[in-house]
Amino acid sequence: MEISQTKENNVAVVALNGRLDANTAPQLEAALNALVEAGETKVLVDCSHLQYISSAGLRVLLAAAKGFKKIDGTISLCALSPTVKQVFEISGFTSIFPLHATRDEVLNA
């Protein structure tokens, strides 16, 4: 999985490309922990190129949400594919994370 990070309109954007599973989850965990430690309070995870997410990936996102909450920050997700969105719906994570259709929807809000 590839992870790229940018800063747009005062929002830290983390773009995921590939599969988020037990093998790749530590990469994302390190990236999100670094943002928490840097004090970033607005984070958007762009899932437009995320093909798959496992329970390990969900765990990393949940831990990150808790970390951002401690610093009065927010983490939201955008552009989930139907398959990935279904995993979020089944797991109940749609009530934990703000989900947006596009990156621009968040950045222009």
PDB file of N, CA and C in Angstrom:
ATOM      1  N   MET A   1       0.831  -1.170   0.000  1.00  0.00           N
ATOM      2  CA  MET A   1       0.000   0.000   0.000  1.00  0.00           C
ATOM      3  C   MET A   1       0.886   1.247   0.000  1.00  0.00           C
ATOM      4  N   GLU A   2       0.446   2.240  -0.718  1.00  0.00           N
ATOM      5  CA  GLU A   2       1.146   3.515  -0.745  1.00  0.00           C
ATOM      6  C   GLU A   2       0.352   4.532   0.060  1.00  0.00           C
ATOM      7  N   ILE A   3       1.074   5.339   0.835  1.00  0.00           N
ATOM      8  CA  ILE A   3       0.463   6.401   1.620  1.00  0.00           C
ATOM      9  C   ILE A   3       1.133   7.706   1.229  1.00  0.00           C
ATOM     10  N   SER A   4       0.334   8.682   0.827  1.00  0.00           N
ATOM     11  CA  SER A   4       0.902   9.997   0.536  1.00  0.00           C
ATOM     12  C   SER A   4       0.206  11.025   1.413  1.00  0.00           C
ATOM     13  N   GLN A   5       0.978  12.037   1.804  1.00  0.00           N
ATOM     14  CA  GLN A   5       0.444  13.067   2.689  1.00  0.00           C
ATOM     15  C   GLN A   5       0.648  14.446   2.089  1.00  0.00           C
ATOM     16  N   THR A   6      -0.390  15.273   2.181  1.00  0.00           N
ATOM     17  CA  THR A   6      -0.319  16.661   1.753  1.00  0.00           C
ATOM     18  C   THR A   6      -1.072  17.504   2.774  1.00  0.00           C
ATOM     19  N   LYS A   7      -0.937  18.796   2.638  1.00  0.00           N
ATOM     20  CA  LYS A   7      -1.696  19.723   3.481  1.00  0.00           C
ATOM     21  C   LYS A   7      -2.449  20.650   2.546  1.00  0.00           C
ATOM     22  N   GLU A   8      -3.774  20.652   2.656  1.00  0.00           N
ATOM     23  CA  GLU A   8      -4.620  21.472   1.794  1.00  0.00           C
ATOM     24  C   GLU A   8      -5.654  22.198   2.637  1.00  0.00           C
ATOM     25  N   ASN A   9      -5.733  23.503   2.478  1.00  0.00           N
ATOM     26  CA  ASN A   9      -6.720  24.311   3.218  1.00  0.00           C
ATOM     27  C   ASN A   9      -6.704  24.021   4.713  1.00  0.00           C
ATOM     28  N   ASN A  10      -5.515  23.922   5.279  1.00  0.00           N
ATOM     29  CA  ASN A  10      -5.344  23.681   6.716  1.00  0.00           C
ATOM     30  C   ASN A  10      -5.810  22.288   7.161  1.00  0.00           C
ATOM     31  N   VAL A  11      -5.912  21.359   6.211  1.00  0.00           N
ATOM     32  CA  VAL A  11      -6.305  19.984   6.503  1.00  0.00           C
ATOM     33  C   VAL A  11      -5.166  19.057   6.075  1.00  0.00           C
ATOM     34  N   ALA A  12      -4.751  18.182   6.975  1.00  0.00           N
ATOM     35  CA  ALA A  12      -3.750  17.172   6.623  1.00  0.00           C
ATOM     36  C   ALA A  12      -4.477  16.052   5.880  1.00  0.00           C
ATOM     37  N   VAL A  13      -4.088  15.817   4.639  1.00  0.00           N
ATOM     38  CA  VAL A  13      -4.735  14.802   3.803  1.00  0.00           C
ATOM     39  C   VAL A  13      -3.807  13.600   3.689  1.00  0.00           C
ATOM     40  N   VAL A  14      -4.348  12.439   4.040  1.00  0.00           N
ATOM     41  CA  VAL A  14      -3.614  11.181   3.935  1.00  0.00           C
ATOM     42  C   VAL A  14      -4.325  10.348   2.876  1.00  0.00           C
ATOM     43  N   ALA A  15      -3.661  10.147   1.747  1.00  0.00           N
ATOM     44  CA  ALA A  15      -4.257   9.396   0.638  1.00  0.00           C
ATOM     45  C   ALA A  15      -3.731   7.961   0.655  1.00  0.00           C
ATOM     46  N   LEU A  16      -4.660   7.011   0.577  1.00  0.00           N
ATOM     47  CA  LEU A  16      -4.304   5.590   0.612  1.00  0.00           C
ATOM     48  C   LEU A  16      -4.482   4.991  -0.772  1.00  0.00           C
ATOM     49  N   ASN A  17      -3.532   4.141  -1.168  1.00  0.00           N
ATOM     50  CA  ASN A  17      -3.596   3.485  -2.464  1.00  0.00           C
ATOM     51  C   ASN A  17      -3.229   2.017  -2.265  1.00  0.00           C
ATOM     52  N   GLY A  18      -4.199   1.129  -2.489  1.00  0.00           N
ATOM     53  CA  GLY A  18      -3.923  -0.301  -2.353  1.00  0.00           C
ATOM     54  C   GLY A  18      -4.823  -0.963  -1.331  1.00  0.00           C
ATOM     55  N   ARG A  19      -4.231  -1.896  -0.583  1.00  0.00           N
ATOM     56  CA  ARG A  19      -4.969  -2.711   0.383  1.00  0.00           C
ATOM     57  C   ARG A  19      -4.505  -2.395   1.801  1.00  0.00           C
ATOM     58  N   LEU A  20      -5.451  -2.138   2.681  1.00  0.00           N
ATOM     59  CA  LEU A  20      -5.142  -1.884   4.085  1.00  0.00           C
ATOM     60  C   LEU A  20      -5.492  -3.140   4.872  1.00  0.00           C
ATOM     61  N   ASP A  21      -4.453  -3.896   5.207  1.00  0.00           N
ATOM     62  CA  ASP A  21      -4.649  -5.167   5.902  1.00  0.00           C
ATOM     63  C   ASP A  21      -3.605  -5.314   6.997  1.00  0.00           C
ATOM     64  N   ALA A  22      -3.487  -6.504   7.558  1.00  0.00           N
ATOM     65  CA  ALA A  22      -2.551  -6.725   8.665  1.00  0.00           C
ATOM     66  C   ALA A  22      -1.105  -6.424   8.280  1.00  0.00           C
ATOM     67  N   ASN A  23      -0.769  -6.619   7.018  1.00  0.00           N
ATOM     68  CA  ASN A  23       0.600  -6.361   6.570  1.00  0.00           C
ATOM     69  C   ASN A  23       0.899  -4.877   6.395  1.00  0.00           C
ATOM     70  N   THR A  24      -0.104  -4.098   6.004  1.00  0.00           N
ATOM     71  CA  THR A  24       0.126  -2.690   5.695  1.00  0.00           C
ATOM     72  C   THR A  24      -0.384  -1.738   6.781  1.00  0.00           C
ATOM     73  N   ALA A  25      -1.198  -2.233   7.702  1.00  0.00           N
ATOM     74  CA  ALA A  25      -1.759  -1.381   8.754  1.00  0.00           C
ATOM     75  C   ALA A  25      -0.697  -0.655   9.578  1.00  0.00           C
ATOM     76  N   PRO A  26       0.450  -1.286   9.905  1.00  0.00           N
ATOM     77  CA  PRO A  26       1.457  -0.550  10.679  1.00  0.00           C
ATOM     78  C   PRO A  26       1.972   0.714   9.985  1.00  0.00           C
ATOM     79  N   GLN A  27       2.018   0.725   8.657  1.00  0.00           N
ATOM     80  CA  GLN A  27       2.432   1.922   7.919  1.00  0.00           C
ATOM     81  C   GLN A  27       1.470   3.071   8.186  1.00  0.00           C
ATOM     82  N   LEU A  28       0.174   2.786   8.085  1.00  0.00           N
ATOM     83  CA  LEU A  28      -0.823   3.821   8.315  1.00  0.00           C
ATOM     84  C   LEU A  28      -0.825   4.240   9.782  1.00  0.00           C
ATOM     85  N   GLU A  29      -0.666   3.293  10.664  1.00  0.00           N
ATOM     86  CA  GLU A  29      -0.625   3.602  12.090  1.00  0.00           C
ATOM     87  C   GLU A  29       0.502   4.591  12.393  1.00  0.00           C
ATOM     88  N   ALA A  30       1.667   4.357  11.819  1.00  0.00           N
ATOM     89  CA  ALA A  30       2.808   5.253  12.033  1.00  0.00           C
ATOM     90  C   ALA A  30       2.523   6.646  11.474  1.00  0.00           C
ATOM     91  N   ALA A  31       1.924   6.709  10.295  1.00  0.00           N
ATOM     92  CA  ALA A  31       1.624   7.999   9.670  1.00  0.00           C
ATOM     93  C   ALA A  31       0.605   8.785  10.488  1.00  0.00           C
ATOM     94  N   LEU A  32      -0.449   8.119  10.949  1.00  0.00           N
ATOM     95  CA  LEU A  32      -1.478   8.815  11.718  1.00  0.00           C
ATOM     96  C   LEU A  32      -0.977   9.197  13.107  1.00  0.00           C
ATOM     97  N   ASN A  33      -0.183   8.333  13.730  1.00  0.00           N
ATOM     98  CA  ASN A  33       0.396   8.672  15.038  1.00  0.00           C
ATOM     99  C   ASN A  33       1.297   9.900  14.928  1.00  0.00           C
ATOM    100  N   ALA A  34       2.033   9.996  13.828  1.00  0.00           N
ATOM    101  CA  ALA A  34       2.903  11.155  13.626  1.00  0.00           C
ATOM    102  C   ALA A  34       2.076  12.438  13.514  1.00  0.00           C
ATOM    103  N   LEU A  35       0.914  12.356  12.886  1.00  0.00           N
ATOM    104  CA  LEU A  35       0.048  13.528  12.773  1.00  0.00           C
ATOM    105  C   LEU A  35      -0.524  13.924  14.134  1.00  0.00           C
ATOM    106  N   VAL A  36      -0.880  12.937  14.940  1.00  0.00           N
ATOM    107  CA  VAL A  36      -1.364  13.221  16.298  1.00  0.00           C
ATOM    108  C   VAL A  36      -0.255  13.905  17.090  1.00  0.00           C
ATOM    109  N   GLU A  37       0.953  13.343  17.028  1.00  0.00           N
ATOM    110  CA  GLU A  37       2.086  13.906  17.768  1.00  0.00           C
ATOM    111  C   GLU A  37       2.442  15.310  17.284  1.00  0.00           C
ATOM    112  N   ALA A  38       2.194  15.585  15.998  1.00  0.00           N
ATOM    113  CA  ALA A  38       2.473  16.916  15.446  1.00  0.00           C
ATOM    114  C   ALA A  38       1.369  17.918  15.790  1.00  0.00           C
ATOM    115  N   GLY A  39       0.290  17.423  16.404  1.00  0.00           N
ATOM    116  CA  GLY A  39      -0.795  18.311  16.799  1.00  0.00           C
ATOM    117  C   GLY A  39      -1.752  18.689  15.690  1.00  0.00           C
ATOM    118  N   GLU A  40      -1.766  17.908  14.626  1.00  0.00           N
ATOM    119  CA  GLU A  40      -2.716  18.171  13.531  1.00  0.00           C
ATOM    120  C   GLU A  40      -4.135  17.909  14.039  1.00  0.00           C
ATOM    121  N   THR A  41      -5.025  18.873  13.881  1.00  0.00           N
ATOM    122  CA  THR A  41      -6.377  18.710  14.412  1.00  0.00           C
ATOM    123  C   THR A  41      -7.439  18.475  13.337  1.00  0.00           C
ATOM    124  N   LYS A  42      -7.054  18.601  12.076  1.00  0.00           N
ATOM    125  CA  LYS A  42      -7.990  18.315  10.985  1.00  0.00           C
ATOM    126  C   LYS A  42      -7.305  17.360  10.014  1.00  0.00           C
ATOM    127  N   VAL A  43      -7.801  16.129   9.985  1.00  0.00           N
ATOM    128  CA  VAL A  43      -7.190  15.103   9.139  1.00  0.00           C
ATOM    129  C   VAL A  43      -8.270  14.465   8.270  1.00  0.00           C
ATOM    130  N   LEU A  44      -7.943  14.302   7.013  1.00  0.00           N
ATOM    131  CA  LEU A  44      -8.827  13.648   6.053  1.00  0.00           C
ATOM    132  C   LEU A  44      -8.088  12.461   5.457  1.00  0.00           C
ATOM    133  N   VAL A  45      -8.707  11.287   5.530  1.00  0.00           N
ATOM    134  CA  VAL A  45      -8.151  10.099   4.893  1.00  0.00           C
ATOM    135  C   VAL A  45      -8.891   9.904   3.571  1.00  0.00           C
ATOM    136  N   ASP A  46      -8.162  10.059   2.479  1.00  0.00           N
ATOM    137  CA  ASP A  46      -8.731   9.924   1.131  1.00  0.00           C
ATOM    138  C   ASP A  46      -8.637   8.458   0.726  1.00  0.00           C
ATOM    139  N   CYS A  47      -9.807   7.826   0.606  1.00  0.00           N
ATOM    140  CA  CYS A  47      -9.870   6.388   0.306  1.00  0.00           C
ATOM    141  C   CYS A  47     -10.218   6.112  -1.150  1.00  0.00           C
ATOM    142  N   SER A  48     -10.049   7.102  -2.017  1.00  0.00           N
ATOM    143  CA  SER A  48     -10.473   6.936  -3.406  1.00  0.00           C
ATOM    144  C   SER A  48      -9.732   5.810  -4.122  1.00  0.00           C
ATOM    145  N   HIS A  49      -8.522   5.468  -3.656  1.00  0.00           N
ATOM    146  CA  HIS A  49      -7.769   4.376  -4.279  1.00  0.00           C
ATOM    147  C   HIS A  49      -7.542   3.211  -3.311  1.00  0.00           C
ATOM    148  N   LEU A  50      -8.334   3.183  -2.240  1.00  0.00           N
ATOM    149  CA  LEU A  50      -8.259   2.073  -1.289  1.00  0.00           C
ATOM    150  C   LEU A  50      -9.131   0.939  -1.814  1.00  0.00           C
ATOM    151  N   GLN A  51      -8.503  -0.206  -2.080  1.00  0.00           N
ATOM    152  CA  GLN A  51      -9.221  -1.320  -2.694  1.00  0.00           C
ATOM    153  C   GLN A  51      -9.845  -2.261  -1.672  1.00  0.00           C
ATOM    154  N   TYR A  52      -9.271  -2.303  -0.458  1.00  0.00           N
ATOM    155  CA  TYR A  52      -9.699  -3.290   0.533  1.00  0.00           C
ATOM    156  C   TYR A  52      -9.299  -2.814   1.917  1.00  0.00           C
ATOM    157  N   ILE A  53     -10.123  -3.101   2.923  1.00  0.00           N
ATOM    158  CA  ILE A  53      -9.751  -2.820   4.309  1.00  0.00           C
ATOM    159  C   ILE A  53     -10.134  -4.019   5.169  1.00  0.00           C
ATOM    160  N   SER A  54      -9.213  -4.439   6.019  1.00  0.00           N
ATOM    161  CA  SER A  54      -9.463  -5.557   6.924  1.00  0.00           C
ATOM    162  C   SER A  54      -9.733  -5.019   8.323  1.00  0.00           C
ATOM    163  N   SER A  55      -9.983  -5.927   9.252  1.00  0.00           N
ATOM    164  CA  SER A  55     -10.203  -5.520  10.638  1.00  0.00           C
ATOM    165  C   SER A  55      -8.964  -4.843  11.218  1.00  0.00           C
ATOM    166  N   ALA A  56      -7.795  -5.219  10.754  1.00  0.00           N
ATOM    167  CA  ALA A  56      -6.564  -4.570  11.224  1.00  0.00           C
ATOM    168  C   ALA A  56      -6.547  -3.104  10.799  1.00  0.00           C
ATOM    169  N   GLY A  57      -7.012  -2.828   9.600  1.00  0.00           N
ATOM    170  CA  GLY A  57      -7.103  -1.452   9.125  1.00  0.00           C
ATOM    171  C   GLY A  57      -8.131  -0.660   9.907  1.00  0.00           C
ATOM    172  N   LEU A  58      -9.267  -1.284  10.200  1.00  0.00           N
ATOM    173  CA  LEU A  58     -10.292  -0.623  11.000  1.00  0.00           C
ATOM    174  C   LEU A  58      -9.756  -0.294  12.396  1.00  0.00           C
ATOM    175  N   ARG A  59      -8.992  -1.211  12.967  1.00  0.00           N
ATOM    176  CA  ARG A  59      -8.419  -0.992  14.299  1.00  0.00           C
ATOM    177  C   ARG A  59      -7.510   0.224  14.302  1.00  0.00           C
ATOM    178  N   VAL A  60      -6.679   0.354  13.273  1.00  0.00           N
ATOM    179  CA  VAL A  60      -5.764   1.501  13.171  1.00  0.00           C
ATOM    180  C   VAL A  60      -6.555   2.807  13.084  1.00  0.00           C
ATOM    181  N   LEU A  61      -7.606   2.819  12.288  1.00  0.00           N
ATOM    182  CA  LEU A  61      -8.413   4.031  12.150  1.00  0.00           C
ATOM    183  C   LEU A  61      -9.121   4.379  13.459  1.00  0.00           C
ATOM    184  N   LEU A  62      -9.614   3.358  14.163  1.00  0.00           N
ATOM    185  CA  LEU A  62     -10.276   3.601  15.444  1.00  0.00           C
ATOM    186  C   LEU A  62      -9.296   4.160  16.468  1.00  0.00           C
ATOM    187  N   ALA A  63      -8.113   3.588  16.532  1.00  0.00           N
ATOM    188  CA  ALA A  63      -7.090   4.081  17.459  1.00  0.00           C
ATOM    189  C   ALA A  63      -6.714   5.524  17.115  1.00  0.00           C
ATOM    190  N   ALA A  64      -6.628   5.825  15.827  1.00  0.00           N
ATOM    191  CA  ALA A  64      -6.301   7.191  15.407  1.00  0.00           C
ATOM    192  C   ALA A  64      -7.412   8.150  15.800  1.00  0.00           C
ATOM    193  N   ALA A  65      -8.660   7.734  15.637  1.00  0.00           N
ATOM    194  CA  ALA A  65      -9.787   8.595  16.013  1.00  0.00           C
ATOM    195  C   ALA A  65      -9.714   8.940  17.499  1.00  0.00           C
ATOM    196  N   LYS A  66      -9.355   7.959  18.313  1.00  0.00           N
ATOM    197  CA  LYS A  66      -9.210   8.203  19.750  1.00  0.00           C
ATOM    198  C   LYS A  66      -8.059   9.164  20.015  1.00  0.00           C
ATOM    199  N   GLY A  67      -6.967   9.009  19.287  1.00  0.00           N
ATOM    200  CA  GLY A  67      -5.817   9.890  19.446  1.00  0.00           C
ATOM    201  C   GLY A  67      -6.139  11.324  19.071  1.00  0.00           C
ATOM    202  N   PHE A  68      -6.857  11.507  17.964  1.00  0.00           N
ATOM    203  CA  PHE A  68      -7.221  12.856  17.534  1.00  0.00           C
ATOM    204  C   PHE A  68      -8.233  13.478  18.494  1.00  0.00           C
ATOM    205  N   LYS A  69      -9.117  12.661  19.051  1.00  0.00           N
ATOM    206  CA  LYS A  69     -10.103  13.179  20.006  1.00  0.00           C
ATOM    207  C   LYS A  69      -9.403  13.746  21.242  1.00  0.00           C
ATOM    208  N   LYS A  70      -8.326  13.103  21.672  1.00  0.00           N
ATOM    209  CA  LYS A  70      -7.586  13.568  22.855  1.00  0.00           C
ATOM    210  C   LYS A  70      -6.989  14.957  22.656  1.00  0.00           C
ATOM    211  N   ILE A  71      -6.704  15.316  21.408  1.00  0.00           N
ATOM    212  CA  ILE A  71      -6.127  16.639  21.138  1.00  0.00           C
ATOM    213  C   ILE A  71      -7.171  17.570  20.511  1.00  0.00           C
ATOM    214  N   ASP A  72      -8.448  17.237  20.723  1.00  0.00           N
ATOM    215  CA  ASP A  72      -9.563  18.016  20.174  1.00  0.00           C
ATOM    216  C   ASP A  72      -9.489  18.123  18.661  1.00  0.00           C
ATOM    217  N   GLY A  73      -9.064  17.051  18.028  1.00  0.00           N
ATOM    218  CA  GLY A  73      -8.980  17.010  16.577  1.00  0.00           C
ATOM    219  C   GLY A  73     -10.067  16.132  15.986  1.00  0.00           C
ATOM    220  N   THR A  74     -10.112  16.118  14.662  1.00  0.00           N
ATOM    221  CA  THR A  74     -11.080  15.288  13.956  1.00  0.00           C
ATOM    222  C   THR A  74     -10.382  14.538  12.825  1.00  0.00           C
ATOM    223  N   ILE A  75     -10.898  13.362  12.552  1.00  0.00           N
ATOM    224  CA  ILE A  75     -10.437  12.587  11.405  1.00  0.00           C
ATOM    225  C   ILE A  75     -11.687  12.167  10.633  1.00  0.00           C
ATOM    226  N   SER A  76     -11.677  12.430   9.348  1.00  0.00           N
ATOM    227  CA  SER A  76     -12.800  12.027   8.513  1.00  0.00           C
ATOM    228  C   SER A  76     -12.260  11.289   7.292  1.00  0.00           C
ATOM    229  N   LEU A  77     -13.162  10.633   6.588  1.00  0.00           N
ATOM    230  CA  LEU A  77     -12.777   9.842   5.422  1.00  0.00           C
ATOM    231  C   LEU A  77     -13.601  10.275   4.229  1.00  0.00           C
ATOM    232  N   CYS A  78     -13.020  10.113   3.040  1.00  0.00           N
ATOM    233  CA  CYS A  78     -13.764  10.460   1.831  1.00  0.00           C
ATOM    234  C   CYS A  78     -13.519   9.430   0.733  1.00  0.00           C
ATOM    235  N   ALA A  79     -14.442   9.448  -0.206  1.00  0.00           N
ATOM    236  CA  ALA A  79     -14.337   8.685  -1.457  1.00  0.00           C
ATOM    237  C   ALA A  79     -14.182   7.182  -1.242  1.00  0.00           C
ATOM    238  N   LEU A  80     -14.992   6.631  -0.329  1.00  0.00           N
ATOM    239  CA  LEU A  80     -14.946   5.186  -0.098  1.00  0.00           C
ATOM    240  C   LEU A  80     -15.616   4.453  -1.253  1.00  0.00           C
ATOM    241  N   SER A  81     -14.991   3.387  -1.713  1.00  0.00           N
ATOM    242  CA  SER A  81     -15.606   2.555  -2.744  1.00  0.00           C
ATOM    243  C   SER A  81     -16.802   1.837  -2.112  1.00  0.00           C
ATOM    244  N   PRO A  82     -17.728   1.340  -2.913  1.00  0.00           N
ATOM    245  CA  PRO A  82     -18.877   0.625  -2.344  1.00  0.00           C
ATOM    246  C   PRO A  82     -18.465  -0.548  -1.441  1.00  0.00           C
ATOM    247  N   THR A  83     -17.420  -1.262  -1.820  1.00  0.00           N
ATOM    248  CA  THR A  83     -16.967  -2.405  -1.028  1.00  0.00           C
ATOM    249  C   THR A  83     -16.414  -1.964   0.320  1.00  0.00           C
ATOM    250  N   VAL A  84     -15.571  -0.933   0.305  1.00  0.00           N
ATOM    251  CA  VAL A  84     -14.990  -0.426   1.545  1.00  0.00           C
ATOM    252  C   VAL A  84     -16.073   0.200   2.415  1.00  0.00           C
ATOM    253  N   LYS A  85     -16.983   0.936   1.809  1.00  0.00           N
ATOM    254  CA  LYS A  85     -18.064   1.554   2.573  1.00  0.00           C
ATOM    255  C   LYS A  85     -18.928   0.494   3.249  1.00  0.00           C
ATOM    256  N   GLN A  86     -19.142  -0.619   2.573  1.00  0.00           N
ATOM    257  CA  GLN A  86     -19.939  -1.699   3.150  1.00  0.00           C
ATOM    258  C   GLN A  86     -19.274  -2.247   4.413  1.00  0.00           C
ATOM    259  N   VAL A  87     -17.949  -2.356   4.416  1.00  0.00           N
ATOM    260  CA  VAL A  87     -17.223  -2.817   5.604  1.00  0.00           C
ATOM    261  C   VAL A  87     -17.454  -1.841   6.750  1.00  0.00           C
ATOM    262  N   PHE A  88     -17.423  -0.547   6.454  1.00  0.00           N
ATOM    263  CA  PHE A  88     -17.670   0.463   7.487  1.00  0.00           C
ATOM    264  C   PHE A  88     -19.096   0.373   8.021  1.00  0.00           C
ATOM    265  N   GLU A  89     -20.044   0.130   7.131  1.00  0.00           N
ATOM    266  CA  GLU A  89     -21.445   0.024   7.547  1.00  0.00           C
ATOM    267  C   GLU A  89     -21.677  -1.213   8.410  1.00  0.00           C
ATOM    268  N   ILE A  90     -21.139  -2.347   7.994  1.00  0.00           N
ATOM    269  CA  ILE A  90     -21.327  -3.596   8.736  1.00  0.00           C
ATOM    270  C   ILE A  90     -20.680  -3.521  10.113  1.00  0.00           C
ATOM    271  N   SER A  91     -19.523  -2.871  10.192  1.00  0.00           N
ATOM    272  CA  SER A  91     -18.789  -2.795  11.452  1.00  0.00           C
ATOM    273  C   SER A  91     -19.308  -1.689  12.374  1.00  0.00           C
ATOM    274  N   GLY A  92     -20.199  -0.853  11.867  1.00  0.00           N
ATOM    275  CA  GLY A  92     -20.732   0.246  12.666  1.00  0.00           C
ATOM    276  C   GLY A  92     -19.830   1.469  12.700  1.00  0.00           C
ATOM    277  N   PHE A  93     -18.797   1.489  11.876  1.00  0.00           N
ATOM    278  CA  PHE A  93     -17.850   2.602  11.877  1.00  0.00           C
ATOM    279  C   PHE A  93     -18.405   3.859  11.216  1.00  0.00           C
ATOM    280  N   THR A  94     -19.535   3.747  10.524  1.00  0.00           N
ATOM    281  CA  THR A  94     -20.124   4.941   9.921  1.00  0.00           C
ATOM    282  C   THR A  94     -20.618   5.903  10.993  1.00  0.00           C
ATOM    283  N   SER A  95     -20.839   5.406  12.205  1.00  0.00           N
ATOM    284  CA  SER A  95     -21.261   6.292  13.294  1.00  0.00           C
ATOM    285  C   SER A  95     -20.060   6.917  14.007  1.00  0.00           C
ATOM    286  N   ILE A  96     -18.871   6.423  13.732  1.00  0.00           N
ATOM    287  CA  ILE A  96     -17.653   6.921  14.378  1.00  0.00           C
ATOM    288  C   ILE A  96     -16.966   7.974  13.517  1.00  0.00           C
ATOM    289  N   PHE A  97     -16.960   7.751  12.217  1.00  0.00           N
ATOM    290  CA  PHE A  97     -16.228   8.620  11.291  1.00  0.00           C
ATOM    291  C   PHE A  97     -17.176   9.406  10.400  1.00  0.00           C
ATOM    292  N   PRO A  98     -16.928  10.699  10.249  1.00  0.00           N
ATOM    293  CA  PRO A  98     -17.652  11.443   9.207  1.00  0.00           C
ATOM    294  C   PRO A  98     -17.182  10.924   7.840  1.00  0.00           C
ATOM    295  N   LEU A  99     -18.116  10.528   6.992  1.00  0.00           N
ATOM    296  CA  LEU A  99     -17.800  10.039   5.655  1.00  0.00           C
ATOM    297  C   LEU A  99     -18.288  11.056   4.635  1.00  0.00           C
ATOM    298  N   HIS A 100     -17.436  11.353   3.659  1.00  0.00           N
ATOM    299  CA  HIS A 100     -17.760  12.341   2.629  1.00  0.00           C
ATOM    300  C   HIS A 100     -17.569  11.719   1.252  1.00  0.00           C
ATOM    301  N   ALA A 101     -18.335  12.210   0.301  1.00  0.00           N
ATOM    302  CA  ALA A 101     -18.290  11.656  -1.054  1.00  0.00           C
ATOM    303  C   ALA A 101     -16.960  11.973  -1.751  1.00  0.00           C
ATOM    304  N   THR A 102     -16.466  13.213  -1.559  1.00  0.00           N
ATOM    305  CA  THR A 102     -15.260  13.629  -2.263  1.00  0.00           C
ATOM    306  C   THR A 102     -14.311  14.382  -1.343  1.00  0.00           C
ATOM    307  N   ARG A 103     -13.081  14.494  -1.773  1.00  0.00           N
ATOM    308  CA  ARG A 103     -12.076  15.269  -1.049  1.00  0.00           C
ATOM    309  C   ARG A 103     -12.470  16.753  -1.034  1.00  0.00           C
ATOM    310  N   ASP A 104     -12.928  17.247  -2.180  1.00  0.00           N
ATOM    311  CA  ASP A 104     -13.301  18.662  -2.289  1.00  0.00           C
ATOM    312  C   ASP A 104     -14.436  19.035  -1.340  1.00  0.00           C
ATOM    313  N   GLU A 105     -15.348  18.096  -1.100  1.00  0.00           N
ATOM    314  CA  GLU A 105     -16.463  18.339  -0.182  1.00  0.00           C
ATOM    315  C   GLU A 105     -15.942  18.738   1.201  1.00  0.00           C
ATOM    316  N   VAL A 106     -14.868  18.126   1.624  1.00  0.00           N
ATOM    317  CA  VAL A 106     -14.275  18.415   2.934  1.00  0.00           C
ATOM    318  C   VAL A 106     -13.430  19.683   2.866  1.00  0.00           C
ATOM    319  N   LEU A 107     -12.593  19.773   1.862  1.00  0.00           N
ATOM    320  CA  LEU A 107     -11.653  20.887   1.788  1.00  0.00           C
ATOM    321  C   LEU A 107     -12.310  22.227   1.528  1.00  0.00           C
ATOM    322  N   ASN A 108     -13.460  22.217   0.888  1.00  0.00           N
ATOM    323  CA  ASN A 108     -14.157  23.465   0.588  1.00  0.00           C
ATOM    324  C   ASN A 108     -15.237  23.816   1.612  1.00  0.00           C
ATOM    325  N   ALA A 109     -15.367  22.993   2.640  1.00  0.00           N
ATOM    326  CA  ALA A 109     -16.399  23.245   3.675  1.00  0.00           C
ATOM    327  C   ALA A 109     -15.931  24.313   4.643  1.00  0.00           C
TER     328      ALA A 109
END
